[in-house]
Amino acid sequence: MNQLIVQLASDPSPSPLPGLKPGLTQDMVTPGLLGFLATAFIVIIMAFLIVDMVRRIRRVRYRGEKAGQEAEATEDPESHSREA
């Protein structure tokens, strides 16, 4: 294992990729502005969705806790006094 690490560390980095094929420009093979805007739009929408999801989960959890407290309060009070 050590020999492999030493060999990989000592080998020169691979040569850079050759140039583009004839007839292609850099704009033809990169996503460009449209790709960036689409990705940024998806990231922004996902951030809003995550914030909304967290808010809804908190609301459901709070309602569950409140319903549990109300259920405890509406239980038969005589059953608690008999136990004491």
C-alpha atoms as a PDB file:
ATOM      1  CA  MET A   1       0.000   0.000   0.000  1.00  0.00           C
ATOM      2  CA  ASN A   2       2.816   2.390   0.851  1.00  0.00           C
ATOM      3  CA  GLN A   3       4.507   1.657  -2.456  1.00  0.00           C
ATOM      4  CA  LEU A   4       1.344   2.598  -4.332  1.00  0.00           C
ATOM      5  CA  ILE A   5       1.093   5.905  -2.474  1.00  0.00           C
ATOM      6  CA  VAL A   6       4.764   6.685  -3.119  1.00  0.00           C
ATOM      7  CA  GLN A   7       4.416   5.801  -6.798  1.00  0.00           C
ATOM      8  CA  LEU A   8       1.308   7.951  -7.213  1.00  0.00           C
ATOM      9  CA  ALA A   9       2.955  10.858  -5.417  1.00  0.00           C
ATOM     10  CA  SER A  10       6.126  10.657  -7.508  1.00  0.00           C
ATOM     11  CA  ASP A  11       4.446  10.299 -10.924  1.00  0.00           C
ATOM     12  CA  PRO A  12       3.958  13.573 -12.752  1.00  0.00           C
ATOM     13  CA  SER A  13       0.391  14.729 -13.154  1.00  0.00           C
ATOM     14  CA  PRO A  14      -1.289  13.625 -16.360  1.00  0.00           C
ATOM     15  CA  SER A  15      -0.972  15.858 -19.355  1.00  0.00           C
ATOM     16  CA  PRO A  16      -3.798  18.328 -19.872  1.00  0.00           C
ATOM     17  CA  LEU A  17      -6.592  17.347 -22.216  1.00  0.00           C
ATOM     18  CA  PRO A  18      -5.950  18.039 -25.861  1.00  0.00           C
ATOM     19  CA  GLY A  19      -7.669  20.981 -27.516  1.00  0.00           C
ATOM     20  CA  LEU A  20     -11.259  20.936 -28.671  1.00  0.00           C
ATOM     21  CA  LYS A  21     -12.238  19.120 -31.826  1.00  0.00           C
ATOM     22  CA  PRO A  22     -12.269  21.244 -34.956  1.00  0.00           C
ATOM     23  CA  GLY A  23     -15.460  23.258 -35.311  1.00  0.00           C
ATOM     24  CA  LEU A  24     -16.220  23.401 -31.565  1.00  0.00           C
ATOM     25  CA  THR A  25     -15.866  26.472 -29.408  1.00  0.00           C
ATOM     26  CA  GLN A  26     -15.697  26.726 -25.626  1.00  0.00           C
ATOM     27  CA  ASP A  27     -19.303  28.022 -25.570  1.00  0.00           C
ATOM     28  CA  MET A  28     -20.549  24.878 -27.293  1.00  0.00           C
ATOM     29  CA  VAL A  29     -19.251  22.503 -24.616  1.00  0.00           C
ATOM     30  CA  THR A  30     -19.948  24.476 -21.423  1.00  0.00           C
ATOM     31  CA  PRO A  31     -23.324  25.155 -19.829  1.00  0.00           C
ATOM     32  CA  GLY A  32     -22.835  28.903 -20.098  1.00  0.00           C
ATOM     33  CA  LEU A  33     -25.100  31.545 -18.634  1.00  0.00           C
ATOM     34  CA  LEU A  34     -28.312  29.586 -19.212  1.00  0.00           C
ATOM     35  CA  GLY A  35     -26.946  26.567 -17.328  1.00  0.00           C
ATOM     36  CA  PHE A  36     -25.799  28.754 -14.449  1.00  0.00           C
ATOM     37  CA  LEU A  37     -29.164  30.502 -14.206  1.00  0.00           C
ATOM     38  CA  ALA A  38     -31.049  27.197 -14.275  1.00  0.00           C
ATOM     39  CA  THR A  39     -28.852  25.781 -11.501  1.00  0.00           C
ATOM     40  CA  ALA A  40     -29.158  28.959  -9.425  1.00  0.00           C
ATOM     41  CA  PHE A  41     -32.953  28.882  -9.847  1.00  0.00           C
ATOM     42  CA  ILE A  42     -33.127  25.269  -8.648  1.00  0.00           C
ATOM     43  CA  VAL A  43     -30.919  26.037  -5.631  1.00  0.00           C
ATOM     44  CA  ILE A  44     -33.043  29.048  -4.637  1.00  0.00           C
ATOM     45  CA  ILE A  45     -36.300  27.096  -5.006  1.00  0.00           C
ATOM     46  CA  MET A  46     -34.872  24.207  -2.937  1.00  0.00           C
ATOM     47  CA  ALA A  47     -33.832  26.619  -0.176  1.00  0.00           C
ATOM     48  CA  PHE A  48     -37.387  28.013   0.001  1.00  0.00           C
ATOM     49  CA  LEU A  49     -38.846  24.501   0.012  1.00  0.00           C
ATOM     50  CA  ILE A  50     -36.567  23.404   2.852  1.00  0.00           C
ATOM     51  CA  VAL A  51     -37.460  26.471   4.940  1.00  0.00           C
ATOM     52  CA  ASP A  52     -41.168  25.847   4.319  1.00  0.00           C
ATOM     53  CA  MET A  53     -40.832  22.158   5.216  1.00  0.00           C
ATOM     54  CA  VAL A  54     -39.084  22.961   8.498  1.00  0.00           C
ATOM     55  CA  ARG A  55     -41.795  25.481   9.373  1.00  0.00           C
ATOM     56  CA  ARG A  56     -44.557  22.940   8.662  1.00  0.00           C
ATOM     57  CA  ILE A  57     -42.834  20.236  10.710  1.00  0.00           C
ATOM     58  CA  ARG A  58     -42.531  22.604  13.672  1.00  0.00           C
ATOM     59  CA  ARG A  59     -46.207  23.514  13.354  1.00  0.00           C
ATOM     60  CA  VAL A  60     -47.292  19.846  13.310  1.00  0.00           C
ATOM     61  CA  ARG A  61     -45.060  19.038  16.282  1.00  0.00           C
ATOM     62  CA  TYR A  62     -46.446  21.995  18.248  1.00  0.00           C
ATOM     63  CA  ARG A  63     -50.044  21.006  17.469  1.00  0.00           C
ATOM     64  CA  GLY A  64     -49.310  17.443  18.583  1.00  0.00           C
ATOM     65  CA  GLU A  65     -47.845  18.612  21.871  1.00  0.00           C
ATOM     66  CA  LYS A  66     -50.787  20.946  22.440  1.00  0.00           C
ATOM     67  CA  ALA A  67     -53.300  18.169  21.688  1.00  0.00           C
ATOM     68  CA  GLY A  68     -51.464  15.872  24.130  1.00  0.00           C
ATOM     69  CA  GLN A  69     -51.614  18.476  26.872  1.00  0.00           C
ATOM     70  CA  GLU A  70     -55.323  19.058  26.235  1.00  0.00           C
ATOM     71  CA  ALA A  71     -55.968  15.304  26.336  1.00  0.00           C
ATOM     72  CA  GLU A  72     -54.198  15.062  29.705  1.00  0.00           C
ATOM     73  CA  ALA A  73     -56.223  17.993  31.038  1.00  0.00           C
ATOM     74  CA  THR A  74     -59.557  16.509  29.926  1.00  0.00           C
ATOM     75  CA  GLU A  75     -58.915  13.082  31.465  1.00  0.00           C
ATOM     76  CA  ASP A  76     -61.220  12.016  34.296  1.00  0.00           C
ATOM     77  CA  PRO A  77     -60.012  14.043  37.315  1.00  0.00           C
ATOM     78  CA  GLU A  78     -61.619  11.546  39.757  1.00  0.00           C
ATOM     79  CA  SER A  79     -59.291   8.758  38.609  1.00  0.00           C
ATOM     80  CA  HIS A  80     -56.300  10.852  39.716  1.00  0.00           C
ATOM     81  CA  SER A  81     -57.856  11.660  43.107  1.00  0.00           C
ATOM     82  CA  ARG A  82     -58.625   7.974  43.811  1.00  0.00           C
ATOM     83  CA  GLU A  83     -54.988   7.014  43.231  1.00  0.00           C
ATOM     84  CA  ALA A  84     -53.700   9.571  45.726  1.00  0.00           C
END
